[in-house]
């Protein structure tokens, strides 16, 4: 049976983060940046979306975290800048033709024997079933995994591959809609044309618990390292 856990618990079981310089590639609203800063790491969040950057910067600083605008396929950092580079739910958002470049860029900015952590959602579970009509990511998620495997074949070392199930909560349908459009503004169009059906699916697939409306999401993590000199 696949373990049910939180994304942050899975990450901290695999990585030592205290005292590390960490790059979060595709940092979104900064949730992981803030979490790891509280764990004693020095965090830089890279994000290309203006709405996501605005959301991240709306929070009070919890330490010395910083946010930089940029894209994964052209990281604005010097070689060997970080101990750990993280793609958390972000590699599949990189344009398909640039995914291999994004992994190579992460390798470039990660120090020798540093770690590259790639966490990707699997195209299954109620979270996927519900959101697929808005943006069916099954193909790009599969391509992202192929790129990870190709990077291993090309020289990165696979430390481990793990699977776990996690859950996401939303206060209500409007909170889900706001987050989805903030991540990708092009999703506004399907929301406008399918909102009634999406709300029905939200109510059908979501499970009410003490934290809100719950959706399940299977995850896969590939932990990689480089031994370059």
C-alpha atoms as a PDB file:
ATOM      1  CA  UNK A   1       0.000   0.000   0.000  1.00  0.00           C
ATOM      2  CA  UNK A   2       1.342   3.445  -0.912  1.00  0.00           C
ATOM      3  CA  UNK A   3       2.197   5.625   2.061  1.00  0.00           C
ATOM      4  CA  UNK A   4      -0.076   8.599   2.752  1.00  0.00           C
ATOM      5  CA  UNK A   5       1.930  11.607   3.859  1.00  0.00           C
ATOM      6  CA  UNK A   6       2.437  15.297   3.305  1.00  0.00           C
ATOM      7  CA  UNK A   7       4.722  16.634   0.599  1.00  0.00           C
ATOM      8  CA  UNK A   8       6.954  18.324   3.164  1.00  0.00           C
ATOM      9  CA  UNK A   9       7.271  15.164   5.270  1.00  0.00           C
ATOM     10  CA  UNK A  10       8.326  13.207   2.186  1.00  0.00           C
ATOM     11  CA  UNK A  11      10.913  15.848   1.323  1.00  0.00           C
ATOM     12  CA  UNK A  12      12.422  16.129   4.795  1.00  0.00           C
ATOM     13  CA  UNK A  13      12.719  12.349   5.081  1.00  0.00           C
ATOM     14  CA  UNK A  14      14.893  12.292   1.970  1.00  0.00           C
ATOM     15  CA  UNK A  15      16.880  15.509   2.360  1.00  0.00           C
ATOM     16  CA  UNK A  16      18.919  17.204   5.044  1.00  0.00           C
ATOM     17  CA  UNK A  17      17.969  20.849   4.580  1.00  0.00           C
ATOM     18  CA  UNK A  18      19.210  22.702   7.671  1.00  0.00           C
ATOM     19  CA  UNK A  19      22.102  24.992   6.771  1.00  0.00           C
ATOM     20  CA  UNK A  20      21.760  24.277   3.044  1.00  0.00           C
ATOM     21  CA  UNK A  21      21.520  26.739   0.165  1.00  0.00           C
ATOM     22  CA  UNK A  22      18.384  25.644  -1.693  1.00  0.00           C
ATOM     23  CA  UNK A  23      16.808  26.703  -4.975  1.00  0.00           C
ATOM     24  CA  UNK A  24      13.084  26.091  -5.432  1.00  0.00           C
ATOM     25  CA  UNK A  25      12.496  26.114  -9.193  1.00  0.00           C
ATOM     26  CA  UNK A  26       8.909  27.121  -9.849  1.00  0.00           C
ATOM     27  CA  UNK A  27       8.286  28.297  -6.302  1.00  0.00           C
ATOM     28  CA  UNK A  28       4.686  29.393  -6.837  1.00  0.00           C
ATOM     29  CA  UNK A  29       3.250  31.294  -3.891  1.00  0.00           C
ATOM     30  CA  UNK A  30       6.328  30.481  -1.797  1.00  0.00           C
ATOM     31  CA  UNK A  31       4.819  27.863   0.496  1.00  0.00           C
ATOM     32  CA  UNK A  32       7.792  25.474   0.236  1.00  0.00           C
ATOM     33  CA  UNK A  33      10.252  28.379   0.423  1.00  0.00           C
ATOM     34  CA  UNK A  34       8.748  29.512   3.718  1.00  0.00           C
ATOM     35  CA  UNK A  35       8.611  25.991   5.110  1.00  0.00           C
ATOM     36  CA  UNK A  36      12.269  25.209   4.375  1.00  0.00           C
ATOM     37  CA  UNK A  37      13.398  28.626   5.611  1.00  0.00           C
ATOM     38  CA  UNK A  38      11.775  27.797   8.932  1.00  0.00           C
ATOM     39  CA  UNK A  39      13.762  24.536   8.926  1.00  0.00           C
ATOM     40  CA  UNK A  40      17.029  26.516   8.868  1.00  0.00           C
ATOM     41  CA  UNK A  41      17.842  26.533   5.150  1.00  0.00           C
ATOM     42  CA  UNK A  42      18.678  29.518   2.948  1.00  0.00           C
ATOM     43  CA  UNK A  43      16.062  29.635   0.203  1.00  0.00           C
ATOM     44  CA  UNK A  44      15.808  31.213  -3.209  1.00  0.00           C
ATOM     45  CA  UNK A  45      12.503  30.831  -5.016  1.00  0.00           C
ATOM     46  CA  UNK A  46      12.477  31.121  -8.811  1.00  0.00           C
ATOM     47  CA  UNK A  47       9.112  31.855 -10.419  1.00  0.00           C
ATOM     48  CA  UNK A  48       8.023  33.055 -13.859  1.00  0.00           C
ATOM     49  CA  UNK A  49       4.384  33.849 -13.084  1.00  0.00           C
ATOM     50  CA  UNK A  50       3.649  37.442 -12.069  1.00  0.00           C
ATOM     51  CA  UNK A  51       0.575  36.499 -10.010  1.00  0.00           C
ATOM     52  CA  UNK A  52       2.474  33.764  -8.196  1.00  0.00           C
ATOM     53  CA  UNK A  53       5.390  36.091  -7.428  1.00  0.00           C
ATOM     54  CA  UNK A  54       2.980  38.716  -6.132  1.00  0.00           C
ATOM     55  CA  UNK A  55       1.344  36.115  -3.899  1.00  0.00           C
ATOM     56  CA  UNK A  56       4.714  34.932  -2.560  1.00  0.00           C
ATOM     57  CA  UNK A  57       5.857  38.460  -1.789  1.00  0.00           C
ATOM     58  CA  UNK A  58       2.591  39.258  -0.017  1.00  0.00           C
ATOM     59  CA  UNK A  59       3.657  37.074   2.919  1.00  0.00           C
ATOM     60  CA  UNK A  60       5.840  38.412   5.697  1.00  0.00           C
ATOM     61  CA  UNK A  61       9.407  37.114   5.504  1.00  0.00           C
ATOM     62  CA  UNK A  62      10.111  34.216   7.853  1.00  0.00           C
ATOM     63  CA  UNK A  63      13.889  34.526   7.397  1.00  0.00           C
ATOM     64  CA  UNK A  64      16.197  35.613   4.618  1.00  0.00           C
ATOM     65  CA  UNK A  65      14.334  33.947   1.758  1.00  0.00           C
ATOM     66  CA  UNK A  66      14.414  35.666  -1.616  1.00  0.00           C
ATOM     67  CA  UNK A  67      12.345  35.445  -4.792  1.00  0.00           C
ATOM     68  CA  UNK A  68      13.709  35.858  -8.303  1.00  0.00           C
ATOM     69  CA  UNK A  69      11.779  36.135 -11.555  1.00  0.00           C
ATOM     70  CA  UNK A  70      12.994  33.716 -14.201  1.00  0.00           C
ATOM     71  CA  UNK A  71      12.476  30.465 -16.075  1.00  0.00           C
ATOM     72  CA  UNK A  72      13.812  26.980 -15.402  1.00  0.00           C
ATOM     73  CA  UNK A  73      15.453  26.635 -18.800  1.00  0.00           C
ATOM     74  CA  UNK A  74      17.618  29.721 -18.235  1.00  0.00           C
ATOM     75  CA  UNK A  75      18.441  29.949 -14.543  1.00  0.00           C
ATOM     76  CA  UNK A  76      19.863  33.372 -13.615  1.00  0.00           C
ATOM     77  CA  UNK A  77      22.469  31.941 -11.237  1.00  0.00           C
ATOM     78  CA  UNK A  78      26.162  31.118 -11.392  1.00  0.00           C
ATOM     79  CA  UNK A  79      27.467  27.558 -11.608  1.00  0.00           C
ATOM     80  CA  UNK A  80      27.609  25.650  -8.309  1.00  0.00           C
ATOM     81  CA  UNK A  81      25.405  28.129  -6.428  1.00  0.00           C
ATOM     82  CA  UNK A  82      23.218  25.716  -4.446  1.00  0.00           C
ATOM     83  CA  UNK A  83      23.453  22.549  -2.374  1.00  0.00           C
ATOM     84  CA  UNK A  84      19.978  21.428  -3.429  1.00  0.00           C
ATOM     85  CA  UNK A  85      17.760  22.275  -6.394  1.00  0.00           C
ATOM     86  CA  UNK A  86      14.081  21.386  -6.199  1.00  0.00           C
ATOM     87  CA  UNK A  87      11.421  20.929  -8.854  1.00  0.00           C
ATOM     88  CA  UNK A  88       8.252  20.574  -6.833  1.00  0.00           C
ATOM     89  CA  UNK A  89       5.204  20.053  -9.067  1.00  0.00           C
ATOM     90  CA  UNK A  90       6.972  22.284 -11.557  1.00  0.00           C
ATOM     91  CA  UNK A  91       8.996  20.307 -14.112  1.00  0.00           C
ATOM     92  CA  UNK A  92       5.887  19.398 -16.101  1.00  0.00           C
ATOM     93  CA  UNK A  93       5.018  23.108 -16.362  1.00  0.00           C
ATOM     94  CA  UNK A  94       8.214  23.790 -18.313  1.00  0.00           C
ATOM     95  CA  UNK A  95       7.555  23.819 -22.091  1.00  0.00           C
ATOM     96  CA  UNK A  96       8.164  20.299 -23.386  1.00  0.00           C
ATOM     97  CA  UNK A  97      11.055  21.299 -25.634  1.00  0.00           C
ATOM     98  CA  UNK A  98      12.845  22.915 -22.688  1.00  0.00           C
ATOM     99  CA  UNK A  99      12.407  20.217 -20.022  1.00  0.00           C
ATOM    100  CA  UNK A 100      15.804  18.568 -20.724  1.00  0.00           C
ATOM    101  CA  UNK A 101      17.444  22.005 -20.646  1.00  0.00           C
ATOM    102  CA  UNK A 102      15.769  22.766 -17.309  1.00  0.00           C
ATOM    103  CA  UNK A 103      17.235  19.625 -15.736  1.00  0.00           C
ATOM    104  CA  UNK A 104      20.658  20.454 -17.200  1.00  0.00           C
ATOM    105  CA  UNK A 105      20.374  23.964 -15.785  1.00  0.00           C
ATOM    106  CA  UNK A 106      19.525  22.559 -12.353  1.00  0.00           C
ATOM    107  CA  UNK A 107      22.605  20.350 -12.579  1.00  0.00           C
ATOM    108  CA  UNK A 108      24.730  23.351 -13.563  1.00  0.00           C
ATOM    109  CA  UNK A 109      23.724  25.492 -10.584  1.00  0.00           C
ATOM    110  CA  UNK A 110      23.879  22.604  -8.103  1.00  0.00           C
ATOM    111  CA  UNK A 111      27.206  21.991  -6.413  1.00  0.00           C
ATOM    112  CA  UNK A 112      29.125  18.733  -6.963  1.00  0.00           C
ATOM    113  CA  UNK A 113      27.543  15.921  -4.953  1.00  0.00           C
ATOM    114  CA  UNK A 114      24.531  18.174  -4.380  1.00  0.00           C
ATOM    115  CA  UNK A 115      20.960  16.966  -4.749  1.00  0.00           C
ATOM    116  CA  UNK A 116      18.275  17.552  -7.373  1.00  0.00           C
ATOM    117  CA  UNK A 117      14.813  16.736  -6.025  1.00  0.00           C
ATOM    118  CA  UNK A 118      12.040  16.213  -8.583  1.00  0.00           C
ATOM    119  CA  UNK A 119       8.525  15.718  -7.200  1.00  0.00           C
ATOM    120  CA  UNK A 120       5.802  15.212  -9.782  1.00  0.00           C
ATOM    121  CA  UNK A 121       2.088  14.411  -9.538  1.00  0.00           C
ATOM    122  CA  UNK A 122       0.973  11.183 -11.174  1.00  0.00           C
ATOM    123  CA  UNK A 123      -2.025  11.349 -13.516  1.00  0.00           C
ATOM    124  CA  UNK A 124      -4.371   9.558 -11.105  1.00  0.00           C
ATOM    125  CA  UNK A 125      -6.485  10.250  -8.029  1.00  0.00           C
ATOM    126  CA  UNK A 126      -9.471  12.484  -7.407  1.00  0.00           C
ATOM    127  CA  UNK A 127      -7.345  15.641  -7.724  1.00  0.00           C
ATOM    128  CA  UNK A 128      -6.300  14.686 -11.235  1.00  0.00           C
ATOM    129  CA  UNK A 129      -9.769  13.494 -12.255  1.00  0.00           C
ATOM    130  CA  UNK A 130     -11.323  16.746 -11.113  1.00  0.00           C
ATOM    131  CA  UNK A 131      -8.824  19.129 -12.723  1.00  0.00           C
ATOM    132  CA  UNK A 132      -8.233  17.220 -15.991  1.00  0.00           C
ATOM    133  CA  UNK A 133     -11.071  18.944 -17.893  1.00  0.00           C
ATOM    134  CA  UNK A 134      -9.381  22.288 -17.193  1.00  0.00           C
ATOM    135  CA  UNK A 135      -5.870  21.207 -18.114  1.00  0.00           C
ATOM    136  CA  UNK A 136      -5.212  17.512 -18.707  1.00  0.00           C
ATOM    137  CA  UNK A 137      -1.534  17.163 -17.825  1.00  0.00           C
ATOM    138  CA  UNK A 138      -1.167  13.414 -18.356  1.00  0.00           C
ATOM    139  CA  UNK A 139       1.051  13.823 -21.426  1.00  0.00           C
ATOM    140  CA  UNK A 140       3.347  16.531 -20.055  1.00  0.00           C
ATOM    141  CA  UNK A 141       3.727  14.654 -16.771  1.00  0.00           C
ATOM    142  CA  UNK A 142       4.820  11.559 -18.699  1.00  0.00           C
ATOM    143  CA  UNK A 143       7.285  13.626 -20.736  1.00  0.00           C
ATOM    144  CA  UNK A 144       8.714  15.125 -17.546  1.00  0.00           C
ATOM    145  CA  UNK A 145       9.355  11.641 -16.161  1.00  0.00           C
ATOM    146  CA  UNK A 146      11.009  10.552 -19.410  1.00  0.00           C
ATOM    147  CA  UNK A 147      13.298  13.590 -19.172  1.00  0.00           C
ATOM    148  CA  UNK A 148      14.328  12.587 -15.657  1.00  0.00           C
ATOM    149  CA  UNK A 149      15.149   9.084 -16.856  1.00  0.00           C
ATOM    150  CA  UNK A 150      17.105  10.478 -19.802  1.00  0.00           C
ATOM    151  CA  UNK A 151      19.084  12.722 -17.451  1.00  0.00           C
ATOM    152  CA  UNK A 152      20.002   9.669 -15.380  1.00  0.00           C
ATOM    153  CA  UNK A 153      21.113   7.850 -18.506  1.00  0.00           C
ATOM    154  CA  UNK A 154      23.196  10.895 -19.457  1.00  0.00           C
ATOM    155  CA  UNK A 155      25.107  11.039 -16.193  1.00  0.00           C
ATOM    156  CA  UNK A 156      23.053  12.106 -13.210  1.00  0.00           C
ATOM    157  CA  UNK A 157      22.941   9.469 -10.484  1.00  0.00           C
ATOM    158  CA  UNK A 158      19.606   8.221  -9.176  1.00  0.00           C
ATOM    159  CA  UNK A 159      19.661   8.136  -5.380  1.00  0.00           C
ATOM    160  CA  UNK A 160      16.116   6.793  -5.111  1.00  0.00           C
ATOM    161  CA  UNK A 161      12.620   6.843  -6.529  1.00  0.00           C
ATOM    162  CA  UNK A 162       9.704   6.844  -4.113  1.00  0.00           C
ATOM    163  CA  UNK A 163       5.937   6.986  -4.348  1.00  0.00           C
ATOM    164  CA  UNK A 164       3.435   8.320  -1.862  1.00  0.00           C
ATOM    165  CA  UNK A 165      -0.114   9.622  -1.707  1.00  0.00           C
ATOM    166  CA  UNK A 166      -0.857  13.093  -0.451  1.00  0.00           C
ATOM    167  CA  UNK A 167      -4.002  15.188  -0.100  1.00  0.00           C
ATOM    168  CA  UNK A 168      -4.849  18.768  -0.989  1.00  0.00           C
ATOM    169  CA  UNK A 169      -7.510  20.872   0.661  1.00  0.00           C
ATOM    170  CA  UNK A 170      -9.516  23.826  -0.576  1.00  0.00           C
ATOM    171  CA  UNK A 171     -11.806  26.047   1.443  1.00  0.00           C
ATOM    172  CA  UNK A 172     -14.382  25.941  -1.356  1.00  0.00           C
ATOM    173  CA  UNK A 173     -14.670  25.894  -5.134  1.00  0.00           C
ATOM    174  CA  UNK A 174     -13.779  29.589  -5.427  1.00  0.00           C
ATOM    175  CA  UNK A 175     -10.482  28.983  -3.604  1.00  0.00           C
ATOM    176  CA  UNK A 176      -9.673  26.188  -6.050  1.00  0.00           C
ATOM    177  CA  UNK A 177     -10.538  28.400  -9.023  1.00  0.00           C
ATOM    178  CA  UNK A 178      -8.398  31.276  -7.747  1.00  0.00           C
ATOM    179  CA  UNK A 179      -5.368  29.028  -7.251  1.00  0.00           C
ATOM    180  CA  UNK A 180      -5.667  27.322 -10.636  1.00  0.00           C
ATOM    181  CA  UNK A 181      -5.905  30.630 -12.508  1.00  0.00           C
ATOM    182  CA  UNK A 182      -3.098  32.185 -10.465  1.00  0.00           C
ATOM    183  CA  UNK A 183      -0.833  29.282 -11.468  1.00  0.00           C
ATOM    184  CA  UNK A 184      -1.814  29.538 -15.144  1.00  0.00           C
ATOM    185  CA  UNK A 185      -3.960  32.507 -16.292  1.00  0.00           C
ATOM    186  CA  UNK A 186      -4.854  30.700 -19.554  1.00  0.00           C
ATOM    187  CA  UNK A 187      -7.108  28.447 -17.476  1.00  0.00           C
ATOM    188  CA  UNK A 188      -9.589  31.310 -17.149  1.00  0.00           C
ATOM    189  CA  UNK A 189     -11.143  30.359 -20.496  1.00  0.00           C
ATOM    190  CA  UNK A 190     -12.102  26.764 -19.560  1.00  0.00           C
ATOM    191  CA  UNK A 191     -13.393  28.005 -16.222  1.00  0.00           C
ATOM    192  CA  UNK A 192     -15.641  30.458 -18.029  1.00  0.00           C
ATOM    193  CA  UNK A 193     -17.022  27.779 -20.357  1.00  0.00           C
ATOM    194  CA  UNK A 194     -17.245  24.830 -17.927  1.00  0.00           C
ATOM    195  CA  UNK A 195     -17.669  26.384 -14.494  1.00  0.00           C
ATOM    196  CA  UNK A 196     -21.022  24.783 -13.689  1.00  0.00           C
ATOM    197  CA  UNK A 197     -19.820  21.282 -14.606  1.00  0.00           C
ATOM    198  CA  UNK A 198     -16.556  21.849 -12.719  1.00  0.00           C
ATOM    199  CA  UNK A 199     -18.418  22.889  -9.592  1.00  0.00           C
ATOM    200  CA  UNK A 200     -20.582  19.754  -9.816  1.00  0.00           C
ATOM    201  CA  UNK A 201     -17.415  17.620 -10.147  1.00  0.00           C
ATOM    202  CA  UNK A 202     -15.821  19.475  -7.226  1.00  0.00           C
ATOM    203  CA  UNK A 203     -18.791  18.608  -5.021  1.00  0.00           C
ATOM    204  CA  UNK A 204     -18.887  14.998  -6.292  1.00  0.00           C
ATOM    205  CA  UNK A 205     -15.194  14.147  -5.934  1.00  0.00           C
ATOM    206  CA  UNK A 206     -14.197  16.270  -2.947  1.00  0.00           C
ATOM    207  CA  UNK A 207     -14.425  14.836   0.549  1.00  0.00           C
ATOM    208  CA  UNK A 208     -15.336  17.193   3.386  1.00  0.00           C
ATOM    209  CA  UNK A 209     -13.126  16.883   6.456  1.00  0.00           C
ATOM    210  CA  UNK A 210     -11.973  19.118   9.294  1.00  0.00           C
ATOM    211  CA  UNK A 211      -9.535  20.982   7.019  1.00  0.00           C
ATOM    212  CA  UNK A 212     -11.877  21.704   4.120  1.00  0.00           C
ATOM    213  CA  UNK A 213     -12.614  19.901   0.853  1.00  0.00           C
ATOM    214  CA  UNK A 214     -10.076  17.128   0.320  1.00  0.00           C
ATOM    215  CA  UNK A 215      -8.695  15.686  -2.925  1.00  0.00           C
ATOM    216  CA  UNK A 216      -6.205  12.800  -3.153  1.00  0.00           C
ATOM    217  CA  UNK A 217      -3.041  12.987  -5.283  1.00  0.00           C
ATOM    218  CA  UNK A 218      -0.479  10.204  -5.891  1.00  0.00           C
ATOM    219  CA  UNK A 219       3.089  11.543  -6.138  1.00  0.00           C
ATOM    220  CA  UNK A 220       6.465  10.316  -7.382  1.00  0.00           C
ATOM    221  CA  UNK A 221       9.835  11.663  -6.261  1.00  0.00           C
ATOM    222  CA  UNK A 222      13.132  11.173  -8.054  1.00  0.00           C
ATOM    223  CA  UNK A 223      16.149  12.159  -5.997  1.00  0.00           C
ATOM    224  CA  UNK A 224      19.250  12.711  -8.142  1.00  0.00           C
ATOM    225  CA  UNK A 225      22.834  13.695  -7.522  1.00  0.00           C
ATOM    226  CA  UNK A 226      25.859  14.657  -9.579  1.00  0.00           C
ATOM    227  CA  UNK A 227      29.416  13.506  -8.990  1.00  0.00           C
ATOM    228  CA  UNK A 228      31.065  15.942 -11.348  1.00  0.00           C
ATOM    229  CA  UNK A 229      34.311  17.564 -10.175  1.00  0.00           C
END
